[in-house]
Amino acid sequence: NSIQKFCLIADVVTYLVGVAEKEPSDFLVEQGLLVGTNEYFEKSHVLKREYEDEEHPFGWMQDGVFELFAEADRLYRWQTEEELVDAAAELP
């Protein structure tokens, strides 16, 4: 089960980093796991892809979770691959 594997790894790592893109598979399940417990949330960072042609590509539920990460200064926005690399370089 992929959720069990995620939790086994998440329990032992120092940081969790999610890369949020609309395609190929969205980010809903993983995002829910990152905020499902305080322990996971406190060590999580999210690299969120921004889309020029869409204001809310992820939906209202996911936008609420992105806001939590933004308030905690752990949301990094990117559009291009180069910006993704730069954002990843800012991670602890």
PDB file of N, CA and C in Angstrom:
ATOM      1  N   ASN A   1       0.836  -1.179   0.000  1.00  0.00           N
ATOM      2  CA  ASN A   1       0.000   0.000   0.000  1.00  0.00           C
ATOM      3  C   ASN A   1       0.884   1.247   0.000  1.00  0.00           C
ATOM      4  N   SER A   2       0.632   2.155  -0.907  1.00  0.00           N
ATOM      5  CA  SER A   2       1.486   3.337  -1.044  1.00  0.00           C
ATOM      6  C   SER A   2       1.388   4.282   0.157  1.00  0.00           C
ATOM      7  N   ILE A   3       0.238   4.364   0.790  1.00  0.00           N
ATOM      8  CA  ILE A   3       0.103   5.232   1.969  1.00  0.00           C
ATOM      9  C   ILE A   3       0.925   4.682   3.128  1.00  0.00           C
ATOM     10  N   GLN A   4       0.913   3.376   3.316  1.00  0.00           N
ATOM     11  CA  GLN A   4       1.728   2.773   4.374  1.00  0.00           C
ATOM     12  C   GLN A   4       3.209   3.002   4.110  1.00  0.00           C
ATOM     13  N   LYS A   5       3.633   2.876   2.864  1.00  0.00           N
ATOM     14  CA  LYS A   5       5.038   3.125   2.522  1.00  0.00           C
ATOM     15  C   LYS A   5       5.407   4.576   2.809  1.00  0.00           C
ATOM     16  N   PHE A   6       4.511   5.492   2.427  1.00  0.00           N
ATOM     17  CA  PHE A   6       4.757   6.905   2.699  1.00  0.00           C
ATOM     18  C   PHE A   6       4.956   7.124   4.196  1.00  0.00           C
ATOM     19  N   CYS A   7       4.066   6.590   5.001  1.00  0.00           N
ATOM     20  CA  CYS A   7       4.132   6.794   6.453  1.00  0.00           C
ATOM     21  C   CYS A   7       5.385   6.176   7.060  1.00  0.00           C
ATOM     22  N   LEU A   8       5.790   5.015   6.579  1.00  0.00           N
ATOM     23  CA  LEU A   8       7.023   4.394   7.078  1.00  0.00           C
ATOM     24  C   LEU A   8       8.224   5.293   6.826  1.00  0.00           C
ATOM     25  N   ILE A   9       8.294   5.868   5.646  1.00  0.00           N
ATOM     26  CA  ILE A   9       9.401   6.764   5.315  1.00  0.00           C
ATOM     27  C   ILE A   9       9.262   8.082   6.071  1.00  0.00           C
ATOM     28  N   ALA A  10       8.058   8.644   6.088  1.00  0.00           N
ATOM     29  CA  ALA A  10       7.828   9.945   6.730  1.00  0.00           C
ATOM     30  C   ALA A  10       8.162   9.924   8.215  1.00  0.00           C
ATOM     31  N   ASP A  11       7.992   8.786   8.837  1.00  0.00           N
ATOM     32  CA  ASP A  11       8.281   8.678  10.268  1.00  0.00           C
ATOM     33  C   ASP A  11       9.766   8.819  10.589  1.00  0.00           C
ATOM     34  N   VAL A  12      10.643   8.505   9.638  1.00  0.00           N
ATOM     35  CA  VAL A  12      12.073   8.477   9.954  1.00  0.00           C
ATOM     36  C   VAL A  12      12.894   9.588   9.305  1.00  0.00           C
ATOM     37  N   VAL A  13      12.319  10.337   8.372  1.00  0.00           N
ATOM     38  CA  VAL A  13      13.091  11.382   7.708  1.00  0.00           C
ATOM     39  C   VAL A  13      13.033  12.692   8.492  1.00  0.00           C
ATOM     40  N   THR A  14      13.984  13.566   8.205  1.00  0.00           N
ATOM     41  CA  THR A  14      14.032  14.870   8.856  1.00  0.00           C
ATOM     42  C   THR A  14      13.045  15.844   8.234  1.00  0.00           C
ATOM     43  N   TYR A  15      12.925  15.827   6.908  1.00  0.00           N
ATOM     44  CA  TYR A  15      12.027  16.721   6.182  1.00  0.00           C
ATOM     45  C   TYR A  15      11.216  15.940   5.165  1.00  0.00           C
ATOM     46  N   LEU A  16      10.027  16.463   4.874  1.00  0.00           N
ATOM     47  CA  LEU A  16       9.182  15.955   3.792  1.00  0.00           C
ATOM     48  C   LEU A  16       9.006  17.090   2.795  1.00  0.00           C
ATOM     49  N   VAL A  17       9.175  16.788   1.514  1.00  0.00           N
ATOM     50  CA  VAL A  17       9.032  17.802   0.475  1.00  0.00           C
ATOM     51  C   VAL A  17       8.057  17.293  -0.571  1.00  0.00           C
ATOM     52  N   GLY A  18       7.000  18.060  -0.781  1.00  0.00           N
ATOM     53  CA  GLY A  18       6.030  17.723  -1.813  1.00  0.00           C
ATOM     54  C   GLY A  18       6.174  18.650  -2.994  1.00  0.00           C
ATOM     55  N   VAL A  19       6.085  18.093  -4.191  1.00  0.00           N
ATOM     56  CA  VAL A  19       6.084  18.887  -5.415  1.00  0.00           C
ATOM     57  C   VAL A  19       4.674  18.829  -5.975  1.00  0.00           C
ATOM     58  N   ALA A  20       3.996  19.970  -5.978  1.00  0.00           N
ATOM     59  CA  ALA A  20       2.590  20.016  -6.381  1.00  0.00           C
ATOM     60  C   ALA A  20       2.458  20.473  -7.827  1.00  0.00           C
ATOM     61  N   GLU A  21       1.929  19.587  -8.652  1.00  0.00           N
ATOM     62  CA  GLU A  21       1.610  19.889 -10.040  1.00  0.00           C
ATOM     63  C   GLU A  21       0.228  19.348 -10.340  1.00  0.00           C
ATOM     64  N   LYS A  22      -0.464  19.993 -11.237  1.00  0.00           N
ATOM     65  CA  LYS A  22      -1.799  19.537 -11.625  1.00  0.00           C
ATOM     66  C   LYS A  22      -1.721  18.217 -12.396  1.00  0.00           C
ATOM     67  N   GLU A  23      -0.746  18.078 -13.250  1.00  0.00           N
ATOM     68  CA  GLU A  23      -0.536  16.864 -14.034  1.00  0.00           C
ATOM     69  C   GLU A  23       0.825  16.294 -13.667  1.00  0.00           C
ATOM     70  N   PRO A  24       1.098  15.046 -13.726  1.00  0.00           N
ATOM     71  CA  PRO A  24       0.256  13.994 -14.277  1.00  0.00           C
ATOM     72  C   PRO A  24      -0.759  13.421 -13.303  1.00  0.00           C
ATOM     73  N   SER A  25      -0.564  13.618 -11.987  1.00  0.00           N
ATOM     74  CA  SER A  25      -1.469  12.908 -11.070  1.00  0.00           C
ATOM     75  C   SER A  25      -2.005  13.769  -9.936  1.00  0.00           C
ATOM     76  N   ASP A  26      -1.899  15.080 -10.062  1.00  0.00           N
ATOM     77  CA  ASP A  26      -2.390  15.976  -9.020  1.00  0.00           C
ATOM     78  C   ASP A  26      -1.576  15.783  -7.736  1.00  0.00           C
ATOM     79  N   PHE A  27      -2.094  16.215  -6.602  1.00  0.00           N
ATOM     80  CA  PHE A  27      -1.309  16.209  -5.362  1.00  0.00           C
ATOM     81  C   PHE A  27      -2.194  15.996  -4.146  1.00  0.00           C
ATOM     82  N   LEU A  28      -3.446  15.631  -4.353  1.00  0.00           N
ATOM     83  CA  LEU A  28      -4.438  15.627  -3.284  1.00  0.00           C
ATOM     84  C   LEU A  28      -4.129  14.640  -2.159  1.00  0.00           C
ATOM     85  N   VAL A  29      -3.853  13.388  -2.486  1.00  0.00           N
ATOM     86  CA  VAL A  29      -3.606  12.378  -1.452  1.00  0.00           C
ATOM     87  C   VAL A  29      -2.368  12.729  -0.647  1.00  0.00           C
ATOM     88  N   GLU A  30      -1.278  13.046  -1.347  1.00  0.00           N
ATOM     89  CA  GLU A  30      -0.033  13.376  -0.660  1.00  0.00           C
ATOM     90  C   GLU A  30      -0.193  14.614   0.215  1.00  0.00           C
ATOM     91  N   GLN A  31      -0.918  15.595  -0.301  1.00  0.00           N
ATOM     92  CA  GLN A  31      -1.124  16.822   0.458  1.00  0.00           C
ATOM     93  C   GLN A  31      -1.890  16.534   1.745  1.00  0.00           C
ATOM     94  N   GLY A  32      -2.859  15.674   1.665  1.00  0.00           N
ATOM     95  CA  GLY A  32      -3.613  15.292   2.856  1.00  0.00           C
ATOM     96  C   GLY A  32      -2.743  14.609   3.888  1.00  0.00           C
ATOM     97  N   LEU A  33      -1.803  13.795   3.424  1.00  0.00           N
ATOM     98  CA  LEU A  33      -0.894  13.120   4.351  1.00  0.00           C
ATOM     99  C   LEU A  33       0.044  14.116   5.034  1.00  0.00           C
ATOM    100  N   LEU A  34       0.495  15.129   4.296  1.00  0.00           N
ATOM    101  CA  LEU A  34       1.418  16.108   4.874  1.00  0.00           C
ATOM    102  C   LEU A  34       0.786  16.920   5.996  1.00  0.00           C
ATOM    103  N   VAL A  35      -0.505  17.150   5.919  1.00  0.00           N
ATOM    104  CA  VAL A  35      -1.168  17.941   6.962  1.00  0.00           C
ATOM    105  C   VAL A  35      -1.994  17.081   7.908  1.00  0.00           C
ATOM    106  N   GLY A  36      -1.935  15.769   7.724  1.00  0.00           N
ATOM    107  CA  GLY A  36      -2.750  14.864   8.533  1.00  0.00           C
ATOM    108  C   GLY A  36      -2.348  14.800   9.987  1.00  0.00           C
ATOM    109  N   THR A  37      -1.095  15.071  10.267  1.00  0.00           N
ATOM    110  CA  THR A  37      -0.621  15.099  11.651  1.00  0.00           C
ATOM    111  C   THR A  37       0.296  16.303  11.841  1.00  0.00           C
ATOM    112  N   ASN A  38       0.372  16.798  13.052  1.00  0.00           N
ATOM    113  CA  ASN A  38       1.297  17.904  13.337  1.00  0.00           C
ATOM    114  C   ASN A  38       2.734  17.497  13.068  1.00  0.00           C
ATOM    115  N   GLU A  39       3.071  16.257  13.389  1.00  0.00           N
ATOM    116  CA  GLU A  39       4.441  15.781  13.186  1.00  0.00           C
ATOM    117  C   GLU A  39       4.844  15.879  11.720  1.00  0.00           C
ATOM    118  N   TYR A  40       3.986  15.433  10.819  1.00  0.00           N
ATOM    119  CA  TYR A  40       4.291  15.504   9.389  1.00  0.00           C
ATOM    120  C   TYR A  40       4.261  16.946   8.897  1.00  0.00           C
ATOM    121  N   PHE A  41       3.270  17.706   9.331  1.00  0.00           N
ATOM    122  CA  PHE A  41       3.147  19.090   8.866  1.00  0.00           C
ATOM    123  C   PHE A  41       4.373  19.906   9.258  1.00  0.00           C
ATOM    124  N   GLU A  42       4.842  19.757  10.479  1.00  0.00           N
ATOM    125  CA  GLU A  42       5.960  20.561  10.971  1.00  0.00           C
ATOM    126  C   GLU A  42       7.258  20.312  10.206  1.00  0.00           C
ATOM    127  N   LYS A  43       7.401  19.162   9.597  1.00  0.00           N
ATOM    128  CA  LYS A  43       8.633  18.896   8.853  1.00  0.00           C
ATOM    129  C   LYS A  43       8.420  18.889   7.339  1.00  0.00           C
ATOM    130  N   SER A  44       7.290  19.442   6.898  1.00  0.00           N
ATOM    131  CA  SER A  44       6.956  19.437   5.473  1.00  0.00           C
ATOM    132  C   SER A  44       7.172  20.792   4.816  1.00  0.00           C
ATOM    133  N   HIS A  45       7.557  20.735   3.561  1.00  0.00           N
ATOM    134  CA  HIS A  45       7.696  21.891   2.682  1.00  0.00           C
ATOM    135  C   HIS A  45       7.030  21.512   1.366  1.00  0.00           C
ATOM    136  N   VAL A  46       6.437  22.500   0.685  1.00  0.00           N
ATOM    137  CA  VAL A  46       5.759  22.218  -0.577  1.00  0.00           C
ATOM    138  C   VAL A  46       6.265  23.159  -1.662  1.00  0.00           C
ATOM    139  N   LEU A  47       6.616  22.562  -2.793  1.00  0.00           N
ATOM    140  CA  LEU A  47       7.002  23.300  -3.986  1.00  0.00           C
ATOM    141  C   LEU A  47       5.790  23.290  -4.915  1.00  0.00           C
ATOM    142  N   LYS A  48       5.089  24.406  -4.994  1.00  0.00           N
ATOM    143  CA  LYS A  48       3.818  24.481  -5.730  1.00  0.00           C
ATOM    144  C   LYS A  48       4.014  25.113  -7.103  1.00  0.00           C
ATOM    145  N   ARG A  49       3.594  24.393  -8.116  1.00  0.00           N
ATOM    146  CA  ARG A  49       3.667  24.945  -9.463  1.00  0.00           C
ATOM    147  C   ARG A  49       2.539  25.945  -9.675  1.00  0.00           C
ATOM    148  N   GLU A  50       2.892  27.105 -10.212  1.00  0.00           N
ATOM    149  CA  GLU A  50       1.923  28.140 -10.561  1.00  0.00           C
ATOM    150  C   GLU A  50       1.658  28.053 -12.060  1.00  0.00           C
ATOM    151  N   TYR A  51       0.411  28.238 -12.448  1.00  0.00           N
ATOM    152  CA  TYR A  51       0.018  28.175 -13.852  1.00  0.00           C
ATOM    153  C   TYR A  51      -0.487  29.542 -14.290  1.00  0.00           C
ATOM    154  N   GLU A  52       0.078  30.074 -15.378  1.00  0.00           N
ATOM    155  CA  GLU A  52      -0.295  31.403 -15.855  1.00  0.00           C
ATOM    156  C   GLU A  52      -1.747  31.480 -16.296  1.00  0.00           C
ATOM    157  N   ASP A  53      -2.257  30.413 -16.893  1.00  0.00           N
ATOM    158  CA  ASP A  53      -3.582  30.453 -17.497  1.00  0.00           C
ATOM    159  C   ASP A  53      -4.708  30.022 -16.561  1.00  0.00           C
ATOM    160  N   GLU A  54      -4.386  29.685 -15.315  1.00  0.00           N
ATOM    161  CA  GLU A  54      -5.411  29.229 -14.380  1.00  0.00           C
ATOM    162  C   GLU A  54      -5.204  29.873 -13.011  1.00  0.00           C
ATOM    163  N   GLU A  55      -6.293  30.404 -12.468  1.00  0.00           N
ATOM    164  CA  GLU A  55      -6.205  31.058 -11.163  1.00  0.00           C
ATOM    165  C   GLU A  55      -6.190  30.042 -10.019  1.00  0.00           C
ATOM    166  N   HIS A  56      -6.999  28.987 -10.114  1.00  0.00           N
ATOM    167  CA  HIS A  56      -7.081  27.964  -9.067  1.00  0.00           C
ATOM    168  C   HIS A  56      -7.033  26.562  -9.688  1.00  0.00           C
ATOM    169  N   PRO A  57      -5.877  26.138 -10.160  1.00  0.00           N
ATOM    170  CA  PRO A  57      -5.805  24.832 -10.826  1.00  0.00           C
ATOM    171  C   PRO A  57      -5.974  23.645  -9.882  1.00  0.00           C
ATOM    172  N   PHE A  58      -5.815  23.848  -8.583  1.00  0.00           N
ATOM    173  CA  PHE A  58      -5.842  22.733  -7.645  1.00  0.00           C
ATOM    174  C   PHE A  58      -7.165  22.569  -6.911  1.00  0.00           C
ATOM    175  N   GLY A  59      -8.039  23.531  -6.946  1.00  0.00           N
ATOM    176  CA  GLY A  59      -9.315  23.402  -6.248  1.00  0.00           C
ATOM    177  C   GLY A  59      -9.273  24.016  -4.859  1.00  0.00           C
ATOM    178  N   TRP A  60     -10.455  24.295  -4.326  1.00  0.00           N
ATOM    179  CA  TRP A  60     -10.564  25.034  -3.063  1.00  0.00           C
ATOM    180  C   TRP A  60     -10.001  24.271  -1.875  1.00  0.00           C
ATOM    181  N   MET A  61     -10.155  22.960  -1.844  1.00  0.00           N
ATOM    182  CA  MET A  61      -9.668  22.193  -0.701  1.00  0.00           C
ATOM    183  C   MET A  61      -8.142  22.238  -0.640  1.00  0.00           C
ATOM    184  N   GLN A  62      -7.513  22.044  -1.776  1.00  0.00           N
ATOM    185  CA  GLN A  62      -6.058  22.089  -1.813  1.00  0.00           C
ATOM    186  C   GLN A  62      -5.538  23.503  -1.581  1.00  0.00           C
ATOM    187  N   ASP A  63      -6.250  24.506  -2.100  1.00  0.00           N
ATOM    188  CA  ASP A  63      -5.830  25.887  -1.859  1.00  0.00           C
ATOM    189  C   ASP A  63      -5.757  26.190  -0.365  1.00  0.00           C
ATOM    190  N   GLY A  64      -6.681  25.640   0.408  1.00  0.00           N
ATOM    191  CA  GLY A  64      -6.658  25.835   1.856  1.00  0.00           C
ATOM    192  C   GLY A  64      -5.410  25.256   2.496  1.00  0.00           C
ATOM    193  N   VAL A  65      -4.970  24.115   2.012  1.00  0.00           N
ATOM    194  CA  VAL A  65      -3.751  23.502   2.544  1.00  0.00           C
ATOM    195  C   VAL A  65      -2.527  24.304   2.120  1.00  0.00           C
ATOM    196  N   PHE A  66      -2.520  24.775   0.873  1.00  0.00           N
ATOM    197  CA  PHE A  66      -1.411  25.633   0.435  1.00  0.00           C
ATOM    198  C   PHE A  66      -1.314  26.876   1.313  1.00  0.00           C
ATOM    199  N   GLU A  67      -2.447  27.424   1.713  1.00  0.00           N
ATOM    200  CA  GLU A  67      -2.444  28.596   2.594  1.00  0.00           C
ATOM    201  C   GLU A  67      -1.785  28.282   3.935  1.00  0.00           C
ATOM    202  N   LEU A  68      -2.021  27.089   4.468  1.00  0.00           N
ATOM    203  CA  LEU A  68      -1.368  26.693   5.723  1.00  0.00           C
ATOM    204  C   LEU A  68       0.148  26.689   5.570  1.00  0.00           C
ATOM    205  N   PHE A  69       0.624  26.142   4.464  1.00  0.00           N
ATOM    206  CA  PHE A  69       2.068  26.123   4.229  1.00  0.00           C
ATOM    207  C   PHE A  69       2.615  27.526   3.995  1.00  0.00           C
ATOM    208  N   ALA A  70       1.858  28.376   3.299  1.00  0.00           N
ATOM    209  CA  ALA A  70       2.293  29.756   3.071  1.00  0.00           C
ATOM    210  C   ALA A  70       2.416  30.504   4.399  1.00  0.00           C
ATOM    211  N   GLU A  71       1.440  30.324   5.283  1.00  0.00           N
ATOM    212  CA  GLU A  71       1.477  30.983   6.595  1.00  0.00           C
ATOM    213  C   GLU A  71       2.665  30.513   7.427  1.00  0.00           C
ATOM    214  N   ALA A  72       3.101  29.283   7.205  1.00  0.00           N
ATOM    215  CA  ALA A  72       4.245  28.732   7.934  1.00  0.00           C
ATOM    216  C   ALA A  72       5.569  28.993   7.204  1.00  0.00           C
ATOM    217  N   ASP A  73       5.529  29.775   6.122  1.00  0.00           N
ATOM    218  CA  ASP A  73       6.719  30.075   5.302  1.00  0.00           C
ATOM    219  C   ASP A  73       7.385  28.816   4.765  1.00  0.00           C
ATOM    220  N   ARG A  74       6.561  27.850   4.394  1.00  0.00           N
ATOM    221  CA  ARG A  74       7.104  26.611   3.834  1.00  0.00           C
ATOM    222  C   ARG A  74       6.440  26.254   2.502  1.00  0.00           C
ATOM    223  N   LEU A  75       5.969  27.290   1.788  1.00  0.00           N
ATOM    224  CA  LEU A  75       5.418  27.117   0.449  1.00  0.00           C
ATOM    225  C   LEU A  75       6.321  27.857  -0.522  1.00  0.00           C
ATOM    226  N   TYR A  76       6.789  27.153  -1.534  1.00  0.00           N
ATOM    227  CA  TYR A  76       7.692  27.703  -2.530  1.00  0.00           C
ATOM    228  C   TYR A  76       7.002  27.591  -3.888  1.00  0.00           C
ATOM    229  N   ARG A  77       6.872  28.712  -4.584  1.00  0.00           N
ATOM    230  CA  ARG A  77       6.144  28.738  -5.855  1.00  0.00           C
ATOM    231  C   ARG A  77       7.124  28.705  -7.028  1.00  0.00           C
ATOM    232  N   TRP A  78       6.715  28.025  -8.098  1.00  0.00           N
ATOM    233  CA  TRP A  78       7.551  27.931  -9.290  1.00  0.00           C
ATOM    234  C   TRP A  78       6.684  27.749 -10.531  1.00  0.00           C
ATOM    235  N   GLN A  79       7.246  28.117 -11.707  1.00  0.00           N
ATOM    236  CA  GLN A  79       6.564  27.901 -12.979  1.00  0.00           C
ATOM    237  C   GLN A  79       7.427  27.100 -13.940  1.00  0.00           C
ATOM    238  N   THR A  80       8.711  27.416 -13.991  1.00  0.00           N
ATOM    239  CA  THR A  80       9.607  26.744 -14.929  1.00  0.00           C
ATOM    240  C   THR A  80      10.478  25.738 -14.183  1.00  0.00           C
ATOM    241  N   GLU A  81      11.097  24.866 -14.943  1.00  0.00           N
ATOM    242  CA  GLU A  81      11.998  23.884 -14.333  1.00  0.00           C
ATOM    243  C   GLU A  81      13.149  24.583 -13.614  1.00  0.00           C
ATOM    244  N   GLU A  82      13.647  25.656 -14.197  1.00  0.00           N
ATOM    245  CA  GLU A  82      14.730  26.412 -13.561  1.00  0.00           C
ATOM    246  C   GLU A  82      14.279  26.992 -12.217  1.00  0.00           C
ATOM    247  N   GLU A  83      13.051  27.511 -12.168  1.00  0.00           N
ATOM    248  CA  GLU A  83      12.517  28.039 -10.913  1.00  0.00           C
ATOM    249  C   GLU A  83      12.314  26.931  -9.884  1.00  0.00           C
ATOM    250  N   LEU A  84      11.959  25.741 -10.345  1.00  0.00           N
ATOM    251  CA  LEU A  84      11.823  24.598  -9.437  1.00  0.00           C
ATOM    252  C   LEU A  84      13.170  24.263  -8.803  1.00  0.00           C
ATOM    253  N   VAL A  85      14.211  24.248  -9.615  1.00  0.00           N
ATOM    254  CA  VAL A  85      15.556  23.974  -9.099  1.00  0.00           C
ATOM    255  C   VAL A  85      15.963  25.053  -8.091  1.00  0.00           C
ATOM    256  N   ASP A  86      15.676  26.308  -8.419  1.00  0.00           N
ATOM    257  CA  ASP A  86      16.004  27.409  -7.500  1.00  0.00           C
ATOM    258  C   ASP A  86      15.227  27.292  -6.188  1.00  0.00           C
ATOM    259  N   ALA A  87      13.945  26.956  -6.291  1.00  0.00           N
ATOM    260  CA  ALA A  87      13.124  26.799  -5.086  1.00  0.00           C
ATOM    261  C   ALA A  87      13.635  25.647  -4.231  1.00  0.00           C
ATOM    262  N   ALA A  88      14.014  24.559  -4.867  1.00  0.00           N
ATOM    263  CA  ALA A  88      14.541  23.408  -4.127  1.00  0.00           C
ATOM    264  C   ALA A  88      15.839  23.773  -3.413  1.00  0.00           C
ATOM    265  N   ALA A  89      16.613  24.660  -4.001  1.00  0.00           N
ATOM    266  CA  ALA A  89      17.870  25.085  -3.379  1.00  0.00           C
ATOM    267  C   ALA A  89      17.627  25.889  -2.100  1.00  0.00           C
ATOM    268  N   GLU A  90      16.433  26.456  -1.944  1.00  0.00           N
ATOM    269  CA  GLU A  90      16.096  27.225  -0.740  1.00  0.00           C
ATOM    270  C   GLU A  90      15.700  26.338   0.436  1.00  0.00           C
ATOM    271  N   LEU A  91      15.454  25.072   0.175  1.00  0.00           N
ATOM    272  CA  LEU A  91      15.012  24.161   1.234  1.00  0.00           C
ATOM    273  C   LEU A  91      16.123  23.923   2.244  1.00  0.00           C
ATOM    274  N   PRO A  92      15.746  23.622   3.492  1.00  0.00           N
ATOM    275  CA  PRO A  92      16.775  23.333   4.505  1.00  0.00           C
ATOM    276  C   PRO A  92      17.540  22.062   4.165  1.00  0.00           C
TER     277      PRO A  92
END
